[in-house]
Protein backbone atom coordinates (compact mmCIF):
# COMPACT_ATOMS: atom_id res chain seq x y z
CA MET A 1 -25.47 4.49 4.99
CA SER A 2 -25.20 2.95 8.36
CA ALA A 3 -21.97 3.55 10.44
CA LEU A 4 -21.13 -0.19 10.07
CA ALA A 5 -21.24 -0.29 6.21
CA LEU A 6 -19.25 3.05 6.11
CA SER A 7 -16.62 1.44 8.34
CA VAL A 8 -16.22 -1.42 6.07
CA LEU A 9 -16.16 0.96 2.92
CA LEU A 10 -13.46 3.01 4.68
CA SER A 11 -11.40 -0.16 5.67
CA LEU A 12 -11.47 -1.37 2.12
CA VAL A 13 -10.50 2.21 0.74
CA SER A 14 -7.78 2.20 3.52
CA ALA A 15 -6.24 -1.18 2.39
CA VAL A 16 -6.05 0.17 -1.23
CA ALA A 17 -4.38 3.12 -0.11
CA TYR A 18 -1.82 1.15 1.94
CA ALA A 19 -1.15 -1.26 -0.81
CA GLY A 20 -0.70 1.42 -3.42
CA GLY A 21 1.66 3.32 -1.24
CA ALA A 22 3.61 0.21 -0.62
CA ILE A 23 4.00 -0.58 -4.28
CA VAL A 24 4.93 2.74 -5.26
CA GLN A 25 7.35 3.08 -2.58
CA GLU A 26 9.03 -0.32 -3.71
CA GLN A 27 9.04 0.74 -7.24
CA VAL A 28 10.65 4.09 -6.69
CA ALA A 29 13.37 2.62 -4.39
CA ALA A 30 14.22 -0.17 -7.01
CA SER A 31 14.44 2.49 -9.83
CA SER A 32 16.47 4.88 -7.93
CA PRO A 33 20.25 5.22 -8.25
CA GLY A 34 22.62 3.84 -5.75
CA ALA A 35 22.81 6.96 -3.54
CA GLN A 36 21.27 6.12 -0.02
CA TYR A 37 18.77 9.01 0.17
CA ALA A 38 17.97 9.04 -3.81
CA PRO A 39 14.44 8.08 -3.39
CA LEU A 40 13.61 11.00 -1.15
CA ARG A 41 14.34 13.32 -4.05
CA ARG A 42 11.59 11.87 -6.27
CA PRO A 43 8.00 13.05 -6.13
CA GLY A 44 6.85 9.35 -6.41
CA TRP A 45 8.24 8.74 -3.06
CA TRP A 46 6.17 11.44 -1.38
CA ALA A 47 3.05 10.53 -3.30
CA ALA A 48 3.59 6.94 -1.70
CA VAL A 49 4.05 8.57 1.89
CA ALA A 50 0.65 10.62 1.25
CA LEU A 51 -1.02 7.39 0.28
CA ASN A 52 0.29 5.72 3.31
CA GLY A 53 -0.85 8.69 5.50
CA LEU A 54 -4.31 8.61 3.77
CA GLY A 55 -4.59 4.84 4.46
CA GLY A 56 -3.68 5.41 8.18
CA LEU A 57 -6.36 8.32 8.57
CA LEU A 58 -9.06 6.32 7.04
CA HIS A 59 -8.12 3.32 9.10
CA VAL A 60 -8.63 5.50 12.28
CA VAL A 61 -11.96 6.82 10.92
CA ALA A 62 -13.14 3.33 10.25
CA LEU A 63 -12.16 2.22 13.59
CA ALA A 64 -14.12 5.24 15.24
CA LEU A 65 -17.17 3.93 13.25
CA GLY A 66 -16.83 0.25 13.57
CA PRO A 67 -15.60 -2.59 15.88
CA LEU A 68 -12.07 -3.44 15.92
CA SER A 69 -13.02 -7.04 15.10
CA LEU A 70 -14.55 -6.08 11.76
CA VAL A 71 -12.28 -3.28 10.69
CA GLN A 72 -8.74 -4.50 11.62
CA PRO A 73 -8.94 -7.95 9.38
CA LEU A 74 -9.75 -5.84 6.31
CA VAL A 75 -6.45 -3.83 6.31
CA PRO A 76 -3.44 -5.74 5.26
CA SER A 77 -0.10 -4.56 6.59
CA PRO A 78 2.35 -3.04 4.11
CA SER A 79 4.64 -6.11 4.23
CA CYS A 80 1.64 -8.33 2.99
CA SER A 81 0.99 -5.81 0.16
CA ARG A 82 4.60 -6.01 -0.78
CA CYS A 83 4.30 -9.76 -0.69
CA LEU A 84 1.28 -9.82 -2.94
CA TRP A 85 2.91 -7.55 -5.40
CA ARG A 86 5.79 -9.59 -5.68
CA ARG A 87 3.76 -12.75 -6.22
CA SER A 88 1.83 -10.87 -8.97
CA SER A 89 5.09 -9.88 -10.69
CA TRP A 90 6.21 -13.47 -10.63
CA ALA A 91 3.00 -14.38 -12.44
CA ALA A 92 3.68 -11.80 -15.00
CA GLY A 93 6.59 -13.47 -16.37
CA PRO A 94 10.28 -12.89 -16.51
CA GLU A 95 9.97 -10.07 -19.16
CA ARG A 96 7.88 -7.96 -16.69
CA ARG A 97 9.87 -8.69 -13.51
CA PRO A 98 12.15 -5.97 -12.24
CA GLY A 99 15.53 -6.56 -14.01
CA GLY A 100 14.30 -9.69 -15.82
CA ALA A 101 15.16 -11.84 -12.74
CA LEU A 102 14.02 -15.41 -12.42
């Protein structure tokens, strides 16, 4: 496999890791009790942190193998991932939205 193809593959896997981490963090934060640091006591939060770290590491390796102009557009920011997650929950209908909100 060429370095260019490997950089594209690593970029895509990095994007999935970033998106998964953002989604898990948002779910853990939304389902935690009102205490300020309550999410930090849950294993799901730390799994999300590990996914974000993995995404960052894969992104760096992809940048080492391929040009910035190819790698960077393939990796969305975490805020973009959360936006897409919210949009998909709106499409799911009110019974599947957090809190049943409209």
